[in-house]
PDB file of N, CA and C in Angstrom:
ATOM      1  N   MET A   1      53.198  -6.761 -56.460  1.00  0.00           N
ATOM      2  CA  MET A   1      53.223  -5.335 -56.640  1.00  0.00           C
ATOM      3  C   MET A   1      53.776  -4.978 -58.027  1.00  0.00           C
ATOM      4  N   LYS A   2      54.742  -5.775 -58.458  1.00  0.00           N
ATOM      5  CA  LYS A   2      55.336  -5.534 -59.771  1.00  0.00           C
ATOM      6  C   LYS A   2      54.299  -5.753 -60.874  1.00  0.00           C
ATOM      7  N   ARG A   3      53.494  -6.791 -60.734  1.00  0.00           N
ATOM      8  CA  ARG A   3      52.455  -7.063 -61.729  1.00  0.00           C
ATOM      9  C   ARG A   3      51.424  -5.942 -61.766  1.00  0.00           C
ATOM     10  N   LEU A   4      51.075  -5.416 -60.606  1.00  0.00           N
ATOM     11  CA  LEU A   4      50.119  -4.318 -60.544  1.00  0.00           C
ATOM     12  C   LEU A   4      50.682  -3.088 -61.249  1.00  0.00           C
ATOM     13  N   GLY A   5      51.941  -2.797 -61.028  1.00  0.00           N
ATOM     14  CA  GLY A   5      52.575  -1.659 -61.686  1.00  0.00           C
ATOM     15  C   GLY A   5      52.613  -1.823 -63.191  1.00  0.00           C
ATOM     16  N   ILE A   6      52.920  -3.025 -63.642  1.00  0.00           N
ATOM     17  CA  ILE A   6      52.944  -3.289 -65.083  1.00  0.00           C
ATOM     18  C   ILE A   6      51.543  -3.169 -65.666  1.00  0.00           C
ATOM     19  N   ALA A   7      50.542  -3.669 -64.959  1.00  0.00           N
ATOM     20  CA  ALA A   7      49.162  -3.575 -65.438  1.00  0.00           C
ATOM     21  C   ALA A   7      48.694  -2.124 -65.509  1.00  0.00           C
ATOM     22  N   VAL A   8      49.008  -1.336 -64.494  1.00  0.00           N
ATOM     23  CA  VAL A   8      48.608   0.078 -64.490  1.00  0.00           C
ATOM     24  C   VAL A   8      49.325   0.830 -65.598  1.00  0.00           C
ATOM     25  N   LEU A   9      50.624   0.602 -65.746  1.00  0.00           N
ATOM     26  CA  LEU A   9      51.395   1.271 -66.787  1.00  0.00           C
ATOM     27  C   LEU A   9      50.903   0.862 -68.177  1.00  0.00           C
ATOM     28  N   GLY A  10      50.605  -0.406 -68.358  1.00  0.00           N
ATOM     29  CA  GLY A  10      50.100  -0.887 -69.636  1.00  0.00           C
ATOM     30  C   GLY A  10      48.745  -0.298 -69.977  1.00  0.00           C
ATOM     31  N   SER A  11      47.850  -0.244 -69.006  1.00  0.00           N
ATOM     32  CA  SER A  11      46.525   0.320 -69.273  1.00  0.00           C
ATOM     33  C   SER A  11      46.606   1.822 -69.524  1.00  0.00           C
ATOM     34  N   LEU A  12      47.481   2.508 -68.824  1.00  0.00           N
ATOM     35  CA  LEU A  12      47.664   3.938 -69.067  1.00  0.00           C
ATOM     36  C   LEU A  12      48.233   4.184 -70.459  1.00  0.00           C
ATOM     37  N   SER A  13      49.216   3.390 -70.846  1.00  0.00           N
ATOM     38  CA  SER A  13      49.798   3.526 -72.183  1.00  0.00           C
ATOM     39  C   SER A  13      48.764   3.233 -73.259  1.00  0.00           C
ATOM     40  N   PHE A  14      47.982   2.192 -73.075  1.00  0.00           N
ATOM     41  CA  PHE A  14      46.937   1.849 -74.046  1.00  0.00           C
ATOM     42  C   PHE A  14      45.919   2.971 -74.176  1.00  0.00           C
ATOM     43  N   THR A  15      45.534   3.558 -73.050  1.00  0.00           N
ATOM     44  CA  THR A  15      44.572   4.651 -73.068  1.00  0.00           C
ATOM     45  C   THR A  15      45.126   5.851 -73.813  1.00  0.00           C
ATOM     46  N   LEU A  16      46.380   6.193 -73.562  1.00  0.00           N
ATOM     47  CA  LEU A  16      46.982   7.343 -74.239  1.00  0.00           C
ATOM     48  C   LEU A  16      47.132   7.105 -75.734  1.00  0.00           C
ATOM     49  N   VAL A  17      47.535   5.911 -76.111  1.00  0.00           N
ATOM     50  CA  VAL A  17      47.714   5.611 -77.530  1.00  0.00           C
ATOM     51  C   VAL A  17      46.373   5.599 -78.258  1.00  0.00           C
ATOM     52  N   SER A  18      45.354   5.019 -77.646  1.00  0.00           N
ATOM     53  CA  SER A  18      44.057   4.957 -78.308  1.00  0.00           C
ATOM     54  C   SER A  18      43.354   6.315 -78.310  1.00  0.00           C
ATOM     55  N   ALA A  19      43.643   7.181 -77.362  1.00  0.00           N
ATOM     56  CA  ALA A  19      43.012   8.502 -77.321  1.00  0.00           C
ATOM     57  C   ALA A  19      43.747   9.514 -78.188  1.00  0.00           C
ATOM     58  N   ALA A  20      44.937   9.201 -78.645  1.00  0.00           N
ATOM     59  CA  ALA A  20      45.706  10.157 -79.445  1.00  0.00           C
ATOM     60  C   ALA A  20      44.980  10.504 -80.739  1.00  0.00           C
ATOM     61  N   SER A  21      44.295   9.560 -81.340  1.00  0.00           N
ATOM     62  CA  SER A  21      43.573   9.862 -82.577  1.00  0.00           C
ATOM     63  C   SER A  21      42.386  10.784 -82.311  1.00  0.00           C
ATOM     64  N   ALA A  22      41.818  10.739 -81.135  1.00  0.00           N
ATOM     65  CA  ALA A  22      40.708  11.633 -80.806  1.00  0.00           C
ATOM     66  C   ALA A  22      41.191  13.070 -80.679  1.00  0.00           C
ATOM     67  N   PHE A  23      42.411  13.243 -80.192  1.00  0.00           N
ATOM     68  CA  PHE A  23      42.958  14.589 -80.053  1.00  0.00           C
ATOM     69  C   PHE A  23      43.402  15.163 -81.390  1.00  0.00           C
ATOM     70  N   ALA A  24      43.549  14.351 -82.403  1.00  0.00           N
ATOM     71  CA  ALA A  24      44.027  14.826 -83.695  1.00  0.00           C
ATOM     72  C   ALA A  24      43.045  15.795 -84.331  1.00  0.00           C
ATOM     73  N   GLN A  25      41.759  15.620 -84.119  1.00  0.00           N
ATOM     74  CA  GLN A  25      40.758  16.508 -84.706  1.00  0.00           C
ATOM     75  C   GLN A  25      40.039  17.312 -83.636  1.00  0.00           C
ATOM     76  N   SER A  26      40.721  17.618 -82.558  1.00  0.00           N
ATOM     77  CA  SER A  26      40.084  18.379 -81.495  1.00  0.00           C
ATOM     78  C   SER A  26      39.906  19.833 -81.923  1.00  0.00           C
ATOM     79  N   ASP A  27      39.057  20.539 -81.232  1.00  0.00           N
ATOM     80  CA  ASP A  27      38.763  21.927 -81.563  1.00  0.00           C
ATOM     81  C   ASP A  27      39.661  22.906 -80.814  1.00  0.00           C
ATOM     82  N   ILE A  28      40.725  22.444 -80.218  1.00  0.00           N
ATOM     83  CA  ILE A  28      41.643  23.318 -79.502  1.00  0.00           C
ATOM     84  C   ILE A  28      42.441  24.107 -80.538  1.00  0.00           C
ATOM     85  N   PRO A  29      42.404  25.445 -80.488  1.00  0.00           N
ATOM     86  CA  PRO A  29      43.156  26.208 -81.483  1.00  0.00           C
ATOM     87  C   PRO A  29      44.662  26.024 -81.274  1.00  0.00           C
ATOM     88  N   PRO A  30      45.412  25.895 -82.355  1.00  0.00           N
ATOM     89  CA  PRO A  30      46.852  25.671 -82.223  1.00  0.00           C
ATOM     90  C   PRO A  30      47.566  26.899 -81.674  1.00  0.00           C
ATOM     91  N   ASN A  31      48.598  26.648 -80.906  1.00  0.00           N
ATOM     92  CA  ASN A  31      49.411  27.687 -80.301  1.00  0.00           C
ATOM     93  C   ASN A  31      50.753  27.724 -81.003  1.00  0.00           C
ATOM     94  N   VAL A  32      51.135  28.870 -81.556  1.00  0.00           N
ATOM     95  CA  VAL A  32      52.437  29.019 -82.199  1.00  0.00           C
ATOM     96  C   VAL A  32      53.123  30.215 -81.568  1.00  0.00           C
ATOM     97  N   ALA A  33      54.238  29.987 -80.924  1.00  0.00           N
ATOM     98  CA  ALA A  33      55.025  31.043 -80.277  1.00  0.00           C
ATOM     99  C   ALA A  33      54.167  31.863 -79.316  1.00  0.00           C
ATOM    100  N   GLY A  34      53.269  31.207 -78.600  1.00  0.00           N
ATOM    101  CA  GLY A  34      52.453  31.884 -77.611  1.00  0.00           C
ATOM    102  C   GLY A  34      51.217  32.562 -78.173  1.00  0.00           C
ATOM    103  N   GLU A  35      51.036  32.575 -79.484  1.00  0.00           N
ATOM    104  CA  GLU A  35      49.859  33.195 -80.094  1.00  0.00           C
ATOM    105  C   GLU A  35      48.920  32.121 -80.617  1.00  0.00           C
ATOM    106  N   VAL A  36      47.631  32.339 -80.454  1.00  0.00           N
ATOM    107  CA  VAL A  36      46.633  31.407 -80.958  1.00  0.00           C
ATOM    108  C   VAL A  36      46.468  31.650 -82.455  1.00  0.00           C
ATOM    109  N   VAL A  37      46.636  30.590 -83.243  1.00  0.00           N
ATOM    110  CA  VAL A  37      46.563  30.696 -84.689  1.00  0.00           C
ATOM    111  C   VAL A  37      45.197  30.213 -85.155  1.00  0.00           C
ATOM    112  N   GLN A  38      44.508  31.021 -85.940  1.00  0.00           N
ATOM    113  CA  GLN A  38      43.216  30.653 -86.498  1.00  0.00           C
ATOM    114  C   GLN A  38      43.392  30.290 -87.964  1.00  0.00           C
ATOM    115  N   PRO A  39      42.568  29.401 -88.486  1.00  0.00           N
ATOM    116  CA  PRO A  39      42.656  29.078 -89.908  1.00  0.00           C
ATOM    117  C   PRO A  39      42.409  30.322 -90.762  1.00  0.00           C
ATOM    118  N   ALA A  40      43.050  30.375 -91.934  1.00  0.00           N
ATOM    119  CA  ALA A  40      42.942  31.538 -92.807  1.00  0.00           C
ATOM    120  C   ALA A  40      41.540  31.698 -93.372  1.00  0.00           C
ATOM    121  N   GLY A  41      40.885  30.612 -93.677  1.00  0.00           N
ATOM    122  CA  GLY A  41      39.554  30.702 -94.267  1.00  0.00           C
ATOM    123  C   GLY A  41      38.688  29.549 -93.810  1.00  0.00           C
ATOM    124  N   GLU A  42      37.609  29.388 -94.485  1.00  0.00           N
ATOM    125  CA  GLU A  42      36.697  28.303 -94.160  1.00  0.00           C
ATOM    126  C   GLU A  42      37.293  26.982 -94.639  1.00  0.00           C
ATOM    127  N   VAL A  43      37.172  25.967 -93.823  1.00  0.00           N
ATOM    128  CA  VAL A  43      37.680  24.644 -94.172  1.00  0.00           C
ATOM    129  C   VAL A  43      36.699  24.002 -95.143  1.00  0.00           C
ATOM    130  N   VAL A  44      37.198  23.588 -96.282  1.00  0.00           N
ATOM    131  CA  VAL A  44      36.346  22.981 -97.303  1.00  0.00           C
ATOM    132  C   VAL A  44      36.300  21.475 -97.061  1.00  0.00           C
ATOM    133  N   GLN A  45      35.094  20.960 -96.908  1.00  0.00           N
ATOM    134  CA  GLN A  45      34.883  19.531 -96.685  1.00  0.00           C
ATOM    135  C   GLN A  45      34.380  18.900 -97.976  1.00  0.00           C
ATOM    136  N   PRO A  46      34.787  17.673 -98.246  1.00  0.00           N
ATOM    137  CA  PRO A  46      34.222  16.974 -99.402  1.00  0.00           C
ATOM    138  C   PRO A  46      32.723  16.767 -99.208  1.00  0.00           C
ATOM    139  N   PRO A  47      31.972  16.627-100.299  1.00  0.00           N
ATOM    140  CA  PRO A  47      30.525  16.438-100.151  1.00  0.00           C
ATOM    141  C   PRO A  47      30.197  15.148 -99.404  1.00  0.00           C
ATOM    142  N   GLY A  48      29.218  15.237 -98.515  1.00  0.00           N
ATOM    143  CA  GLY A  48      28.776  14.067 -97.768  1.00  0.00           C
ATOM    144  C   GLY A  48      29.543  13.820 -96.490  1.00  0.00           C
ATOM    145  N   VAL A  49      30.460  14.724 -96.124  1.00  0.00           N
ATOM    146  CA  VAL A  49      31.251  14.541 -94.911  1.00  0.00           C
ATOM    147  C   VAL A  49      30.722  15.485 -93.840  1.00  0.00           C
ATOM    148  N   ALA A  50      30.364  14.927 -92.709  1.00  0.00           N
ATOM    149  CA  ALA A  50      29.897  15.749 -91.598  1.00  0.00           C
ATOM    150  C   ALA A  50      31.105  16.201 -90.780  1.00  0.00           C
ATOM    151  N   PRO A  51      31.142  17.436 -90.343  1.00  0.00           N
ATOM    152  CA  PRO A  51      32.278  17.892 -89.547  1.00  0.00           C
ATOM    153  C   PRO A  51      32.339  17.161 -88.208  1.00  0.00           C
ATOM    154  N   GLY A  52      33.535  16.858 -87.771  1.00  0.00           N
ATOM    155  CA  GLY A  52      33.728  16.188 -86.495  1.00  0.00           C
ATOM    156  C   GLY A  52      33.644  14.679 -86.561  1.00  0.00           C
ATOM    157  N   THR A  53      33.528  14.103 -87.755  1.00  0.00           N
ATOM    158  CA  THR A  53      33.469  12.649 -87.882  1.00  0.00           C
ATOM    159  C   THR A  53      34.817  12.122 -88.349  1.00  0.00           C
ATOM    160  N   THR A  54      35.041  10.854 -88.170  1.00  0.00           N
ATOM    161  CA  THR A  54      36.290  10.258 -88.631  1.00  0.00           C
ATOM    162  C   THR A  54      36.207   9.978 -90.126  1.00  0.00           C
ATOM    163  N   ALA A  55      37.358   9.868 -90.737  1.00  0.00           N
ATOM    164  CA  ALA A  55      37.418   9.671 -92.180  1.00  0.00           C
ATOM    165  C   ALA A  55      36.960   8.262 -92.545  1.00  0.00           C
ATOM    166  N   PHE A  56      36.281   8.140 -93.657  1.00  0.00           N
ATOM    167  CA  PHE A  56      35.874   6.837 -94.184  1.00  0.00           C
ATOM    168  C   PHE A  56      36.807   6.492 -95.325  1.00  0.00           C
ATOM    169  N   THR A  57      37.560   5.427 -95.164  1.00  0.00           N
ATOM    170  CA  THR A  57      38.546   5.054 -96.180  1.00  0.00           C
ATOM    171  C   THR A  57      37.986   4.102 -97.215  1.00  0.00           C
ATOM    172  N   GLY A  58      36.810   3.555 -96.974  1.00  0.00           N
ATOM    173  CA  GLY A  58      36.220   2.626 -97.924  1.00  0.00           C
ATOM    174  C   GLY A  58      36.641   1.189 -97.684  1.00  0.00           C
ATOM    175  N   THR A  59      37.492   0.958 -96.704  1.00  0.00           N
ATOM    176  CA  THR A  59      37.961  -0.388 -96.417  1.00  0.00           C
ATOM    177  C   THR A  59      36.920  -1.140 -95.601  1.00  0.00           C
ATOM    178  N   ASP A  60      36.635  -2.368 -95.998  1.00  0.00           N
ATOM    179  CA  ASP A  60      35.700  -3.209 -95.266  1.00  0.00           C
ATOM    180  C   ASP A  60      36.507  -4.136 -94.363  1.00  0.00           C
ATOM    181  N   ILE A  61      36.445  -3.885 -93.055  1.00  0.00           N
ATOM    182  CA  ILE A  61      37.239  -4.686 -92.125  1.00  0.00           C
ATOM    183  C   ILE A  61      36.413  -5.746 -91.419  1.00  0.00           C
ATOM    184  N   THR A  62      35.149  -5.872 -91.781  1.00  0.00           N
ATOM    185  CA  THR A  62      34.283  -6.833 -91.107  1.00  0.00           C
ATOM    186  C   THR A  62      34.822  -8.251 -91.236  1.00  0.00           C
ATOM    187  N   VAL A  63      35.259  -8.621 -92.429  1.00  0.00           N
ATOM    188  CA  VAL A  63      35.787  -9.972 -92.655  1.00  0.00           C
ATOM    189  C   VAL A  63      37.016 -10.206 -91.786  1.00  0.00           C
ATOM    190  N   TRP A  64      37.898  -9.220 -91.737  1.00  0.00           N
ATOM    191  CA  TRP A  64      39.135  -9.390 -90.964  1.00  0.00           C
ATOM    192  C   TRP A  64      38.848  -9.433 -89.472  1.00  0.00           C
ATOM    193  N   MET A  65      37.826  -8.719 -89.011  1.00  0.00           N
ATOM    194  CA  MET A  65      37.475  -8.784 -87.599  1.00  0.00           C
ATOM    195  C   MET A  65      36.906 -10.156 -87.242  1.00  0.00           C
ATOM    196  N   VAL A  66      36.135 -10.746 -88.140  1.00  0.00           N
ATOM    197  CA  VAL A  66      35.615 -12.098 -87.917  1.00  0.00           C
ATOM    198  C   VAL A  66      36.759 -13.103 -87.895  1.00  0.00           C
ATOM    199  N   VAL A  67      37.716 -12.943 -88.802  1.00  0.00           N
ATOM    200  CA  VAL A  67      38.892 -13.830 -88.830  1.00  0.00           C
ATOM    201  C   VAL A  67      39.688 -13.682 -87.533  1.00  0.00           C
ATOM    202  N   ALA A  68      39.879 -12.446 -87.071  1.00  0.00           N
ATOM    203  CA  ALA A  68      40.629 -12.220 -85.829  1.00  0.00           C
ATOM    204  C   ALA A  68      39.909 -12.836 -84.635  1.00  0.00           C
ATOM    205  N   ALA A  69      38.587 -12.690 -84.584  1.00  0.00           N
ATOM    206  CA  ALA A  69      37.824 -13.283 -83.484  1.00  0.00           C
ATOM    207  C   ALA A  69      37.897 -14.809 -83.526  1.00  0.00           C
ATOM    208  N   ALA A  70      37.831 -15.386 -84.727  1.00  0.00           N
ATOM    209  CA  ALA A  70      37.938 -16.841 -84.857  1.00  0.00           C
ATOM    210  C   ALA A  70      39.320 -17.329 -84.417  1.00  0.00           C
ATOM    211  N   MET A  71      40.350 -16.589 -84.792  1.00  0.00           N
ATOM    212  CA  MET A  71      41.703 -16.983 -84.381  1.00  0.00           C
ATOM    213  C   MET A  71      41.875 -16.862 -82.867  1.00  0.00           C
ATOM    214  N   LEU A  72      41.262 -15.840 -82.260  1.00  0.00           N
ATOM    215  CA  LEU A  72      41.319 -15.693 -80.817  1.00  0.00           C
ATOM    216  C   LEU A  72      40.637 -16.870 -80.121  1.00  0.00           C
ATOM    217  N   LEU A  73      39.452 -17.230 -80.599  1.00  0.00           N
ATOM    218  CA  LEU A  73      38.738 -18.368 -80.008  1.00  0.00           C
ATOM    219  C   LEU A  73      39.497 -19.676 -80.216  1.00  0.00           C
ATOM    220  N   LEU A  74      40.104 -19.848 -81.388  1.00  0.00           N
ATOM    221  CA  LEU A  74      40.904 -21.037 -81.648  1.00  0.00           C
ATOM    222  C   LEU A  74      42.100 -21.097 -80.695  1.00  0.00           C
ATOM    223  N   GLY A  75      42.754 -19.974 -80.477  1.00  0.00           N
ATOM    224  CA  GLY A  75      43.892 -19.930 -79.566  1.00  0.00           C
ATOM    225  C   GLY A  75      43.496 -20.250 -78.136  1.00  0.00           C
ATOM    226  N   ILE A  76      42.364 -19.715 -77.704  1.00  0.00           N
ATOM    227  CA  ILE A  76      41.882 -20.010 -76.349  1.00  0.00           C
ATOM    228  C   ILE A  76      41.544 -21.490 -76.232  1.00  0.00           C
ATOM    229  N   GLY A  77      40.896 -22.042 -77.253  1.00  0.00           N
ATOM    230  CA  GLY A  77      40.562 -23.466 -77.228  1.00  0.00           C
ATOM    231  C   GLY A  77      41.797 -24.352 -77.177  1.00  0.00           C
ATOM    232  N   LEU A  78      42.800 -24.015 -77.978  1.00  0.00           N
ATOM    233  CA  LEU A  78      44.040 -24.794 -77.955  1.00  0.00           C
ATOM    234  C   LEU A  78      44.765 -24.665 -76.614  1.00  0.00           C
ATOM    235  N   LEU A  79      44.743 -23.468 -76.029  1.00  0.00           N
ATOM    236  CA  LEU A  79      45.370 -23.277 -74.726  1.00  0.00           C
ATOM    237  C   LEU A  79      44.684 -24.121 -73.665  1.00  0.00           C
ATOM    238  N   LEU A  80      43.350 -24.113 -73.664  1.00  0.00           N
ATOM    239  CA  LEU A  80      42.622 -24.920 -72.685  1.00  0.00           C
ATOM    240  C   LEU A  80      42.861 -26.412 -72.907  1.00  0.00           C
ATOM    241  N   ALA A  81      42.915 -26.840 -74.154  1.00  0.00           N
ATOM    242  CA  ALA A  81      43.168 -28.255 -74.439  1.00  0.00           C
ATOM    243  C   ALA A  81      44.573 -28.656 -73.979  1.00  0.00           C
ATOM    244  N   ALA A  82      45.551 -27.797 -74.195  1.00  0.00           N
ATOM    245  CA  ALA A  82      46.915 -28.106 -73.769  1.00  0.00           C
ATOM    246  C   ALA A  82      47.016 -28.152 -72.250  1.00  0.00           C
ATOM    247  N   ARG A  83      46.315 -27.252 -71.576  1.00  0.00           N
ATOM    248  CA  ARG A  83      46.355 -27.261 -70.104  1.00  0.00           C
ATOM    249  C   ARG A  83      45.677 -28.509 -69.549  1.00  0.00           C
ATOM    250  N   ARG A  84      44.560 -28.896 -70.173  1.00  0.00           N
ATOM    251  CA  ARG A  84      43.856 -30.106 -69.720  1.00  0.00           C
ATOM    252  C   ARG A  84      44.726 -31.326 -69.956  1.00  0.00           C
ATOM    253  N   ARG A  85      45.405 -31.358 -71.091  1.00  0.00           N
ATOM    254  CA  ARG A  85      46.252 -32.500 -71.424  1.00  0.00           C
ATOM    255  C   ARG A  85      47.452 -32.581 -70.481  1.00  0.00           C
ATOM    256  N   ALA A  86      48.027 -31.415 -70.141  1.00  0.00           N
ATOM    257  CA  ALA A  86      49.154 -31.385 -69.202  1.00  0.00           C
ATOM    258  C   ALA A  86      48.737 -31.797 -67.813  1.00  0.00           C
ATOM    259  N   ARG A  87      47.540 -31.410 -67.408  1.00  0.00           N
ATOM    260  CA  ARG A  87      47.046 -31.783 -66.087  1.00  0.00           C
ATOM    261  C   ARG A  87      46.791 -33.273 -66.027  1.00  0.00           C
ATOM    262  N   GLY A  88      46.281 -33.853 -67.111  1.00  0.00           N
ATOM    263  CA  GLY A  88      46.046 -35.303 -67.165  1.00  0.00           C
ATOM    264  C   GLY A  88      47.343 -36.095 -67.133  1.00  0.00           C
ATOM    265  N   ALA A  89      48.408 -35.554 -67.712  1.00  0.00           N
ATOM    266  CA  ALA A  89      49.696 -36.241 -67.711  1.00  0.00           C
ATOM    267  C   ALA A  89      50.320 -36.241 -66.323  1.00  0.00           C
ATOM    268  N   GLN A  90      50.049 -35.205 -65.514  1.00  0.00           N
ATOM    269  CA  GLN A  90      50.608 -35.129 -64.164  1.00  0.00           C
ATOM    270  C   GLN A  90      49.913 -36.106 -63.225  1.00  0.00           C
ATOM    271  N   ILE A  91      48.636 -36.371 -63.447  1.00  0.00           N
ATOM    272  CA  ILE A  91      47.875 -37.250 -62.561  1.00  0.00           C
ATOM    273  C   ILE A  91      48.302 -38.696 -62.750  1.00  0.00           C
ATOM    274  N   THR A  92      48.553 -39.098 -63.963  1.00  0.00           N
ATOM    275  CA  THR A  92      48.854 -40.515 -64.210  1.00  0.00           C
ATOM    276  C   THR A  92      50.288 -40.853 -63.943  1.00  0.00           C
TER     277      THR A  92
END
């Protein structure tokens, strides 16, 4: 039961943390002292930016994602090899 609670709490926390960036650009008008505040004028967007999209920083993360995936696979492989080796040591 404790593991289930930790799993539910962890997944809820992960969902809230990952969804927080989506709420950052939501269309909900801000509330200040009980009054709805509207922007003073038109929001000026840089050229080539569509409204409602996330910012493009110019960073290329493809290489780092491939490195992270390779490290994950390497870790899983080493874990399986260590478990197999430990199981073989118990049998003999």
